[in-house]
Structures are given as C-alpha cells and as structure tokens.
Amino acid sequence: MHGNTFEPIRIPAWVWDRDETRDILRNRDVAGLFRLAVKYAGASQVRLSAATGIAQGRISQIMRGQRQVTDLEVYQRIATGLGLPDHARMLIGLAPLDITSPTGDHGEEHQEQNEELRIRIETAATIDTTMVAILFTETNNLRLLDRRLGGVVIADKMRAHISQIQRAHRHAIRPGIRARLAHVLSETAALAGWQAIDHCVLSDAWDYHETAISAAREADDPALLAYAQGQQAYVLIDLGRPAEAAELLRHIRHTYDRRVPAHLRTWLAAAHAEAAAVLGDETTTRTALDQAAALLPEGEPDPNLPYVALNAHHLARWRGNCLVRFGDPETIEDLRSALAGMDGTFNRAEAGLRCDLAHALLATGEPEAARPHLHRAEHLATMIKSRRHGRRIAELKRAAAHALR
C-alpha cells in the first residue's frame, strides 16, 4: 500500500481515459471506482474512508456488493476524495468543478456527456401524472410487502425504485411533475429509512431520512416533512440519544401543530411519548399519550397519509410499549387489547407488540405466560429478518430463562 491514511488519493490521469473506466463512471459503479483507487493508487479501505467520509465498514460492504450508494451528496464526496477530473465527474452525472475550463483533449467526451444529459432530460420529460401515479403505487406495494416480509427481502427492489425516482426527479423540468416526483421520493426514502432502522444500519437510515426531508421540502408538503423528521428521531433513540430525540419531536409538534392532519398529529404525539419513555420521563410520556388519544380521529386511517397506519388498536400497542417501561399494571390489558385487534399483515408491528407483552408479563412475575409471546415474536422477527426486534427478543429470553431458574 502506498501513502498514509490522510494522504490524498492520486489515480493516474490516463486511467480516466480507459473504456473500462468510462463504463464504471456511466454506471455509477462505486465499487468499481474504489477498486480503481486500490489498483492504481494503492489505497486501503481506511484511506478510502478518510478521503470520502464514508465509514470503513460501509466501504467494505460497497466493495462486496452488499450496499449501494444512491445519495447525490455521497457521490460528490467520492468524486472529491478520488480526485475525479471534470470529464470523469460529468460522466458520473456531476457538474464539473471548473465550468469555464477548455475541453482540452476531451471534446468528444464532453459532447457525448452533453448528449447523455439531453437524453436524460428528454426521458424525464415523458413522465406525466400517470407515470407518477405508477411510481406512487409501486411505493405503496413495497410498503405492504415490507409489513409482511420485512425490508431485507425487498432491499434490491427498494434500491432500484429509489434510483429510478431520483433519476427522474433530478432531470425533471416541469415544476408540477418535479414536485410530485419529490413527494414520491420523500415517501419512498422515509420507508427505506425505517427499513434501515429495523436492520440496525443507522448511518443509512440517517441518510435516507435526509433525502426524505429534502424532497419533502421541495414538494412543499408539511405533513411529509414532519413525518420524515419525526421518524428520523428514531435513529437518535437507537443511537442512545433519547433526550435529543424527545427534544426534536417536541419541536416538530410545536412547529407543525394544526398544520398537518389529525392522524399525523396523533402519530407525532405517540412518537414523542416513546422517546420520553426511553428517556425515563414518565410525566411527559403520559401527557403525550393522553394527547395522542385525544387527537386520534374516529374511523379508519387517513387515505391521504398511506405512510401513517394508525388506529385505536395501534395506539393501544404504542401506549403499552411506552408504559411497560414504568411497570404500569394496566399495560398488559392495553397490549392484549391491541393484539386482539391487530391486522395480520403487520408482522413487524406484531413482533414488537408481543415483545412488549412478554416484557410486561415478566415484570409481573409471569415468565411462563411470557414464553409463547416470545416464541411467536422470534418466529416473526426471523421471517422478516428484523435485527432490531431480534436483539430485544434475545434480551427478553435471557430474562425469562433467569426468572424460571
């Protein structure tokens, strides 16, 4: 290996002129770019991490084909870290650093890149409201599959779908269509962010939520923006920063109060309660839960908010999840009521609910009653490949085994 960790990566200029390299750039093959840096600059994964700001573990996963890059800002960091010349930046879809520089020996390449850009813009121009509706439908289909099968099973479909939406959005010109594409991008990225949380890949979860937040702002949709920001708070919770999560959710609720539909206000109040419960703040937890119950409209979930699946049974599950931390004796009945009304398609939610019920039963000295719920939760978590629930189930099983000794 050549050079220390923080020395700039210098790939020879002639490498960028090779046909193989051009293909890598056109395909946005980040693993291929990293291999070029290893082969021609002797860069280690640690050095690639220092140059691009991407965690070394993530670099390794990208190079093994286990993870894809979809965020434009990450492509920018990679291009800067690997020292891509302007003609290479343009091939990968980024703006040149010096737009006034002469074309030099790359005039034909620039002409080819300009032609590719023209084709992308023309392709995006064919997208109309019907096409946007199809993209929305695909997002909803993936949401339903996620509930039943989990995010890991549909990960490739999610990445391809997000990439397709991003390409269309990036090159869309008509303001109305661009705003609609931003809306579907925000919904889809938020879904991918929650899947990453469930799989305990918190860096990806944060990035997906940043994409969702940015797209929601462009779509000028306060409900989507509040939801994406609120869901991002769960990344903070899982990072062990519940105080910041609770403060963020308090701020979101204050900012968007009465600006978003009642179902979403209910969701935000319940999420605030959960962050406060993790923090150990029982007073705030109970206040937020009472507010959520008062806000919840009667009837079915709001069809305009497909990303918020919330009714009285879901809220009962949420209440039990929060109050189980404080040993509330009513928790078991709340959770049993929620389980009785649980839609059989919400496998991830049922796994979490049964974990909460097992937790409550263990707290009341009923380890035998907790065991079947843990068994069912483990079955569901294994089926949907939920690492988040899997970790909690392992902790509860240890507690149950200890109580049965």
Protein backbone atom coordinates (compact mmCIF):
# COMPACT_ATOMS: atom_id res chain seq x y z
CA MET A 1 0.00 0.00 0.00
CA HIS A 2 1.20 3.50 -0.81
CA GLY A 3 0.77 6.63 1.28
CA ASN A 4 -0.55 7.20 4.78
CA THR A 5 -4.19 7.31 5.76
CA PHE A 6 -4.73 11.02 5.15
CA GLU A 7 -2.61 11.48 2.05
CA PRO A 8 -4.72 12.47 -1.00
CA ILE A 9 -5.57 9.62 -3.35
CA ARG A 10 -4.00 10.23 -6.75
CA ILE A 11 -5.18 8.00 -9.57
CA PRO A 12 -3.12 8.47 -12.77
CA ALA A 13 -4.81 10.72 -15.35
CA TRP A 14 -4.67 8.07 -18.07
CA VAL A 15 -6.87 5.75 -16.00
CA TRP A 16 -9.84 8.06 -16.53
CA ASP A 17 -9.47 7.73 -20.34
CA ARG A 18 -9.87 3.94 -20.40
CA ASP A 19 -13.08 2.46 -21.84
CA GLU A 20 -13.48 0.29 -18.74
CA THR A 21 -13.31 3.36 -16.51
CA ARG A 22 -15.83 5.23 -18.63
CA ASP A 23 -18.26 2.32 -18.21
CA ILE A 24 -17.73 2.37 -14.45
CA LEU A 25 -18.50 6.08 -14.37
CA ARG A 26 -21.56 5.88 -16.62
CA ASN A 27 -22.98 3.07 -14.48
CA ARG A 28 -22.19 4.92 -11.25
CA ASP A 29 -20.35 1.80 -10.13
CA VAL A 30 -18.90 2.99 -6.82
CA ALA A 31 -17.38 -0.42 -6.05
CA GLY A 32 -15.59 -0.22 -9.41
CA LEU A 33 -14.27 3.25 -8.57
CA PHE A 34 -12.95 2.03 -5.23
CA ARG A 35 -11.22 -0.89 -6.95
CA LEU A 36 -9.55 1.57 -9.33
CA ALA A 37 -8.25 3.51 -6.32
CA VAL A 38 -6.92 0.30 -4.78
CA LYS A 39 -5.32 -0.89 -8.01
CA TYR A 40 -3.80 2.35 -9.32
CA ALA A 41 -3.27 4.42 -6.16
CA GLY A 42 -2.66 1.65 -3.63
CA ALA A 43 -5.48 2.99 -1.45
CA SER A 44 -6.58 0.91 1.52
CA GLN A 45 -10.17 0.86 2.75
CA VAL A 46 -9.12 3.02 5.69
CA ARG A 47 -7.60 5.55 3.29
CA LEU A 48 -10.74 5.47 1.13
CA SER A 49 -12.78 6.12 4.26
CA ALA A 50 -10.65 9.12 5.20
CA ALA A 51 -10.85 10.53 1.66
CA THR A 52 -14.62 10.14 1.21
CA GLY A 53 -16.00 10.42 4.73
CA ILE A 54 -17.68 7.00 4.40
CA ALA A 55 -17.21 4.59 7.31
CA GLN A 56 -14.65 1.86 6.60
CA GLY A 57 -17.19 -0.88 7.27
CA ARG A 58 -19.52 0.66 4.73
CA ILE A 59 -16.66 0.91 2.20
CA SER A 60 -16.12 -2.82 2.65
CA GLN A 61 -19.81 -3.59 2.11
CA ILE A 62 -19.94 -1.44 -1.03
CA MET A 63 -16.92 -3.19 -2.48
CA ARG A 64 -18.51 -6.58 -1.77
CA GLY A 65 -21.72 -5.51 -3.49
CA GLN A 66 -23.72 -5.64 -0.26
CA ARG A 67 -24.62 -1.96 -0.29
CA GLN A 68 -25.35 0.65 -2.94
CA VAL A 69 -24.82 4.40 -3.00
CA THR A 70 -27.89 6.43 -4.01
CA ASP A 71 -27.40 9.85 -2.40
CA LEU A 72 -26.02 12.62 -4.64
CA GLU A 73 -24.08 14.19 -1.78
CA VAL A 74 -22.22 10.91 -1.22
CA TYR A 75 -21.31 10.77 -4.93
CA GLN A 76 -19.94 14.31 -4.56
CA ARG A 77 -17.73 13.25 -1.64
CA ILE A 78 -16.49 10.20 -3.55
CA ALA A 79 -15.65 12.28 -6.63
CA THR A 80 -13.75 14.78 -4.49
CA GLY A 81 -11.97 12.14 -2.45
CA LEU A 82 -10.81 10.18 -5.50
CA GLY A 83 -9.83 13.32 -7.40
CA LEU A 84 -12.11 12.78 -10.42
CA PRO A 85 -11.22 15.20 -13.24
CA ASP A 86 -14.07 17.22 -14.72
CA HIS A 87 -14.74 14.91 -17.66
CA ALA A 88 -14.99 11.95 -15.25
CA ARG A 89 -17.29 13.93 -12.94
CA MET A 90 -19.59 14.66 -15.86
CA LEU A 91 -19.69 11.00 -16.90
CA ILE A 92 -20.87 10.03 -13.41
CA GLY A 93 -23.53 12.74 -13.57
CA LEU A 94 -21.89 15.51 -11.52
CA ALA A 95 -21.18 19.09 -12.50
CA PRO A 96 -17.58 19.95 -13.46
CA LEU A 97 -15.58 21.87 -10.88
CA ASP A 98 -14.40 24.40 -13.47
CA ILE A 99 -17.15 25.08 -15.97
CA THR A 100 -15.01 27.68 -17.75
CA SER A 101 -12.09 25.35 -18.45
CA PRO A 102 -11.37 24.44 -22.07
CA THR A 103 -12.28 20.98 -23.22
CA GLY A 104 -8.67 20.12 -23.99
CA ASP A 105 -8.36 16.58 -25.29
CA HIS A 106 -11.79 15.61 -24.06
CA GLY A 107 -14.01 17.49 -26.50
CA GLU A 108 -15.57 14.31 -27.88
CA GLU A 109 -16.22 13.01 -24.38
CA HIS A 110 -17.86 16.27 -23.38
CA GLN A 111 -20.03 16.11 -26.45
CA GLU A 112 -21.01 12.57 -25.53
CA GLN A 113 -21.80 13.63 -21.98
CA ASN A 114 -23.90 16.54 -23.22
CA GLU A 115 -25.81 14.13 -25.43
CA GLU A 116 -26.39 11.81 -22.46
CA LEU A 117 -27.70 14.73 -20.41
CA ARG A 118 -30.04 15.73 -23.24
CA ILE A 119 -31.37 12.17 -23.38
CA ARG A 120 -31.92 12.08 -19.61
CA ILE A 121 -33.85 15.36 -19.72
CA GLU A 122 -35.90 14.20 -22.69
CA THR A 123 -36.63 10.90 -20.93
CA ALA A 124 -37.71 12.73 -17.78
CA ALA A 125 -39.94 14.96 -19.91
CA THR A 126 -42.02 11.91 -20.85
CA ILE A 127 -43.07 11.45 -17.24
CA ASP A 128 -46.62 12.66 -16.69
CA THR A 129 -49.15 12.39 -13.87
CA THR A 130 -49.97 8.81 -14.87
CA MET A 131 -46.32 7.79 -14.59
CA VAL A 132 -46.05 9.50 -11.21
CA ALA A 133 -49.15 7.61 -10.06
CA ILE A 134 -47.48 4.34 -11.12
CA LEU A 135 -44.42 5.23 -9.03
CA PHE A 136 -46.67 6.01 -6.06
CA THR A 137 -48.40 2.66 -6.50
CA GLU A 138 -45.06 0.86 -6.53
CA THR A 139 -44.06 2.62 -3.29
CA ASN A 140 -47.33 1.53 -1.67
CA ASN A 141 -46.82 -2.03 -2.91
CA LEU A 142 -43.35 -2.06 -1.38
CA ARG A 143 -44.81 -0.70 1.86
CA LEU A 144 -47.26 -3.60 2.00
CA LEU A 145 -44.51 -6.12 1.22
CA ASP A 146 -42.36 -4.57 3.93
CA ARG A 147 -45.10 -5.09 6.52
CA ARG A 148 -45.43 -8.76 5.61
CA LEU A 149 -41.89 -9.76 4.61
CA GLY A 150 -39.53 -7.16 6.07
CA GLY A 151 -37.09 -4.78 4.44
CA VAL A 152 -34.25 -7.22 3.77
CA VAL A 153 -36.34 -9.35 1.40
CA ILE A 154 -37.25 -6.36 -0.77
CA ALA A 155 -33.98 -4.43 -0.38
CA ASP A 156 -32.97 -4.76 -4.04
CA LYS A 157 -36.43 -3.65 -5.19
CA MET A 158 -36.25 -0.64 -2.86
CA ARG A 159 -32.83 0.45 -4.11
CA ALA A 160 -33.88 0.13 -7.76
CA HIS A 161 -37.12 2.01 -7.13
CA ILE A 162 -35.41 4.88 -5.30
CA SER A 163 -32.75 5.10 -8.01
CA GLN A 164 -35.45 5.31 -10.70
CA ILE A 165 -37.32 8.07 -8.85
CA GLN A 166 -34.12 10.02 -8.21
CA ARG A 167 -33.08 9.89 -11.87
CA ALA A 168 -36.50 11.11 -12.97
CA HIS A 169 -36.62 13.82 -10.31
CA ARG A 170 -33.08 15.06 -10.96
CA HIS A 171 -33.81 15.69 -14.65
CA ALA A 172 -37.47 16.76 -14.48
CA ILE A 173 -38.10 20.30 -15.68
CA ARG A 174 -41.85 20.88 -15.39
CA PRO A 175 -42.44 22.26 -11.86
CA GLY A 176 -45.68 20.36 -11.23
CA ILE A 177 -44.22 16.98 -12.21
CA ARG A 178 -40.98 17.68 -10.35
CA ALA A 179 -42.93 18.47 -7.17
CA ARG A 180 -44.92 15.24 -7.49
CA LEU A 181 -41.72 13.26 -8.02
CA ALA A 182 -40.25 14.94 -4.93
CA HIS A 183 -43.32 13.80 -2.99
CA VAL A 184 -42.99 10.14 -4.02
CA LEU A 185 -39.23 10.30 -3.42
CA SER A 186 -39.81 11.57 0.13
CA GLU A 187 -42.32 8.81 0.93
CA THR A 188 -40.07 6.12 -0.53
CA ALA A 189 -36.87 7.34 1.13
CA ALA A 190 -38.65 7.52 4.50
CA LEU A 191 -39.78 3.92 4.04
CA ALA A 192 -36.22 2.86 3.19
CA GLY A 193 -35.03 4.78 6.25
CA TRP A 194 -37.36 2.85 8.54
CA GLN A 195 -36.21 -0.43 6.99
CA ALA A 196 -32.60 0.57 7.71
CA ILE A 197 -33.54 1.32 11.34
CA ASP A 198 -35.13 -2.12 11.60
CA HIS A 199 -31.94 -3.66 10.23
CA CYS A 200 -29.82 -1.56 12.67
CA VAL A 201 -27.94 0.20 9.84
CA LEU A 202 -28.30 3.64 11.38
CA SER A 203 -25.93 5.54 9.07
CA ASP A 204 -28.01 4.51 6.06
CA ALA A 205 -31.19 5.30 7.99
CA TRP A 206 -29.99 8.84 8.66
CA ASP A 207 -29.03 9.37 5.02
CA TYR A 208 -32.37 8.09 3.73
CA HIS A 209 -34.22 10.40 6.08
CA GLU A 210 -32.11 13.35 4.96
CA THR A 211 -33.17 12.54 1.39
CA ALA A 212 -36.80 12.29 2.51
CA ILE A 213 -36.62 15.61 4.36
CA SER A 214 -35.02 17.42 1.42
CA ALA A 215 -37.57 16.01 -1.03
CA ALA A 216 -40.48 16.89 1.28
CA ARG A 217 -39.27 20.49 1.39
CA GLU A 218 -39.18 20.64 -2.41
CA ALA A 219 -42.64 19.07 -2.57
CA ASP A 220 -43.80 21.79 -0.13
CA ASP A 221 -45.66 19.16 1.90
CA PRO A 222 -45.64 19.92 5.65
CA ALA A 223 -47.11 16.52 6.54
CA LEU A 224 -44.35 14.61 4.73
CA LEU A 225 -41.70 16.90 6.20
CA ALA A 226 -42.99 16.46 9.76
CA TYR A 227 -43.23 12.70 9.30
CA ALA A 228 -39.70 12.31 7.87
CA GLN A 229 -38.21 14.47 10.62
CA GLY A 230 -40.21 12.65 13.28
CA GLN A 231 -39.17 9.23 12.04
CA GLN A 232 -35.54 10.35 11.92
CA ALA A 233 -35.79 10.82 15.70
CA TYR A 234 -35.82 7.02 15.98
CA VAL A 235 -32.27 6.97 14.63
CA LEU A 236 -31.30 9.14 17.60
CA ILE A 237 -33.15 6.82 20.01
CA ASP A 238 -31.34 3.77 18.68
CA LEU A 239 -28.03 5.65 18.85
CA GLY A 240 -28.63 6.06 22.59
CA ARG A 241 -29.59 9.76 22.33
CA PRO A 242 -33.22 9.77 23.53
CA ALA A 243 -33.02 13.27 25.05
CA GLU A 244 -32.23 14.74 21.63
CA ALA A 245 -34.94 12.61 20.03
CA ALA A 246 -37.52 13.83 22.56
CA GLU A 247 -36.49 17.44 22.02
CA LEU A 248 -36.65 17.05 18.25
CA LEU A 249 -40.15 15.57 18.42
CA ARG A 250 -41.30 18.29 20.82
CA HIS A 251 -40.03 20.89 18.33
CA ILE A 252 -41.73 19.17 15.37
CA ARG A 253 -45.03 19.00 17.23
CA HIS A 254 -44.83 22.68 18.14
CA THR A 255 -43.84 23.68 14.60
CA TYR A 256 -46.49 21.69 12.76
CA ASP A 257 -49.35 21.80 15.26
CA ARG A 258 -52.62 22.32 13.33
CA ARG A 259 -50.70 22.40 10.03
CA VAL A 260 -50.89 18.65 9.47
CA PRO A 261 -53.79 16.13 9.55
CA ALA A 262 -55.07 14.73 12.84
CA HIS A 263 -53.71 11.22 12.24
CA LEU A 264 -50.21 12.59 11.81
CA ARG A 265 -50.56 14.81 14.90
CA THR A 266 -51.54 11.66 16.78
CA TRP A 267 -48.52 9.81 15.38
CA LEU A 268 -46.16 12.62 16.41
CA ALA A 269 -47.59 12.74 19.93
CA ALA A 270 -47.18 8.97 20.33
CA ALA A 271 -43.62 9.10 18.96
CA HIS A 272 -42.86 11.90 21.44
CA ALA A 273 -44.25 9.69 24.22
CA GLU A 274 -42.00 6.81 23.15
CA ALA A 275 -38.87 8.97 23.14
CA ALA A 276 -39.78 10.30 26.59
CA ALA A 277 -40.39 6.75 27.84
CA VAL A 278 -36.94 5.63 26.67
CA LEU A 279 -35.55 8.68 28.46
CA GLY A 280 -37.40 7.66 31.64
CA ASP A 281 -39.62 10.77 31.74
CA GLU A 282 -42.94 9.27 32.88
CA THR A 283 -44.78 12.60 33.21
CA THR A 284 -44.06 13.66 29.62
CA THR A 285 -44.80 10.13 28.40
CA ARG A 286 -48.27 10.05 29.97
CA THR A 287 -49.08 13.59 28.88
CA ALA A 288 -48.12 12.87 25.26
CA LEU A 289 -50.08 9.59 25.27
CA ASP A 290 -53.17 11.35 26.58
CA GLN A 291 -52.77 14.00 23.87
CA ALA A 292 -52.40 11.29 21.22
CA ALA A 293 -55.62 9.59 22.41
CA ALA A 294 -57.48 12.91 22.31
CA LEU A 295 -56.19 13.70 18.82
CA LEU A 296 -56.94 10.33 17.19
CA PRO A 297 -59.92 10.67 14.82
CA GLU A 298 -62.61 8.03 14.76
CA GLY A 299 -62.76 5.59 11.88
CA GLU A 300 -60.11 4.27 9.54
CA PRO A 301 -56.62 5.70 8.85
CA ASP A 302 -56.37 8.77 6.61
CA PRO A 303 -56.09 7.58 2.95
CA ASN A 304 -54.04 10.71 2.20
CA LEU A 305 -51.39 9.52 4.65
CA PRO A 306 -50.52 5.99 3.47
CA TYR A 307 -47.30 6.14 5.48
CA VAL A 308 -49.22 6.55 8.78
CA ALA A 309 -51.04 3.32 9.70
CA LEU A 310 -52.73 4.32 12.94
CA ASN A 311 -56.00 3.41 14.62
CA ALA A 312 -57.17 2.75 18.18
CA HIS A 313 -55.53 -0.70 18.28
CA HIS A 314 -52.20 0.66 17.02
CA LEU A 315 -52.34 3.42 19.63
CA ALA A 316 -53.08 0.87 22.36
CA ARG A 317 -49.98 -1.03 21.25
CA TRP A 318 -47.96 2.17 21.37
CA ARG A 319 -49.31 3.03 24.83
CA GLY A 320 -48.34 -0.40 26.12
CA ASN A 321 -44.88 -0.10 24.56
CA CYS A 322 -44.31 3.14 26.47
CA LEU A 323 -45.85 2.29 29.83
CA VAL A 324 -44.27 -1.15 30.10
CA ARG A 325 -41.08 0.72 30.98
CA PHE A 326 -42.71 2.10 34.13
CA GLY A 327 -44.33 -1.11 35.38
CA ASP A 328 -47.87 0.16 34.82
CA PRO A 329 -50.33 -2.65 35.81
CA GLU A 330 -52.74 -1.59 33.03
CA THR A 331 -50.10 -2.26 30.40
CA ILE A 332 -50.95 -5.95 29.96
CA GLU A 333 -54.60 -5.24 29.22
CA ASP A 334 -53.65 -2.46 26.77
CA LEU A 335 -51.35 -4.84 24.95
CA ARG A 336 -53.82 -7.73 24.91
CA SER A 337 -56.47 -5.39 23.51
CA ALA A 338 -54.04 -4.24 20.82
CA LEU A 339 -53.14 -7.83 19.96
CA ALA A 340 -56.81 -8.78 19.62
CA GLY A 341 -57.32 -6.01 17.07
CA MET A 342 -54.01 -6.49 15.24
CA ASP A 343 -54.17 -6.68 11.46
CA GLY A 344 -52.45 -9.92 10.48
CA THR A 345 -50.46 -8.16 7.74
CA PHE A 346 -48.39 -6.06 10.20
CA ASN A 347 -45.76 -8.69 11.02
CA ARG A 348 -43.13 -6.24 12.28
CA ALA A 349 -45.68 -4.48 14.49
CA GLU A 350 -46.92 -7.80 15.89
CA ALA A 351 -43.37 -8.86 16.72
CA GLY A 352 -42.88 -5.63 18.64
CA LEU A 353 -46.24 -5.95 20.37
CA ARG A 354 -45.51 -9.49 21.54
CA CYS A 355 -42.12 -8.33 22.84
CA ASP A 356 -43.89 -5.63 24.85
CA LEU A 357 -46.43 -8.13 26.19
CA ALA A 358 -43.68 -10.57 27.17
CA HIS A 359 -41.82 -7.72 28.87
CA ALA A 360 -44.94 -6.74 30.83
CA LEU A 361 -45.61 -10.35 31.89
CA LEU A 362 -42.02 -10.78 33.03
CA ALA A 363 -42.32 -7.58 35.06
CA THR A 364 -45.37 -9.00 36.86
CA GLY A 365 -43.62 -12.31 37.60
CA GLU A 366 -45.28 -14.43 34.89
CA PRO A 367 -42.38 -15.86 32.87
CA GLU A 368 -44.35 -18.92 31.70
CA ALA A 369 -47.07 -16.67 30.25
CA ALA A 370 -44.37 -14.62 28.51
CA ARG A 371 -42.76 -17.56 26.71
CA PRO A 372 -45.35 -18.18 23.94
CA HIS A 373 -45.30 -14.49 23.07
CA LEU A 374 -41.52 -14.55 22.83
CA HIS A 375 -41.69 -17.67 20.66
CA ARG A 376 -44.15 -16.01 18.26
CA ALA A 377 -42.13 -12.76 18.25
CA GLU A 378 -38.96 -14.69 17.43
CA HIS A 379 -40.71 -16.50 14.58
CA LEU A 380 -41.93 -13.20 13.10
CA ALA A 381 -38.59 -11.43 13.57
CA THR A 382 -36.78 -14.30 11.86
CA MET A 383 -39.26 -14.29 8.99
CA ILE A 384 -38.87 -10.53 8.34
CA LYS A 385 -35.15 -10.58 9.28
CA SER A 386 -35.54 -7.80 11.84
CA ARG A 387 -32.27 -7.28 13.69
CA ARG A 388 -33.86 -4.61 15.88
CA HIS A 389 -36.50 -6.96 17.23
CA GLY A 390 -34.06 -9.86 17.25
CA ARG A 391 -31.80 -8.07 19.72
CA ARG A 392 -34.68 -7.25 22.03
CA ILE A 393 -36.03 -10.81 21.88
CA ALA A 394 -32.62 -12.17 22.87
CA GLU A 395 -32.58 -9.89 25.93
CA LEU A 396 -36.10 -10.91 26.96
CA LYS A 397 -35.34 -14.61 26.50
CA ARG A 398 -32.37 -14.27 28.82
CA ALA A 399 -34.59 -12.52 31.36
CA ALA A 400 -37.24 -15.24 31.06
CA ALA A 401 -34.66 -18.01 31.48
CA HIS A 402 -33.29 -16.30 34.58
CA ALA A 403 -36.79 -15.92 36.06
CA LEU A 404 -37.56 -19.62 35.51
CA ARG A 405 -34.48 -20.87 37.36
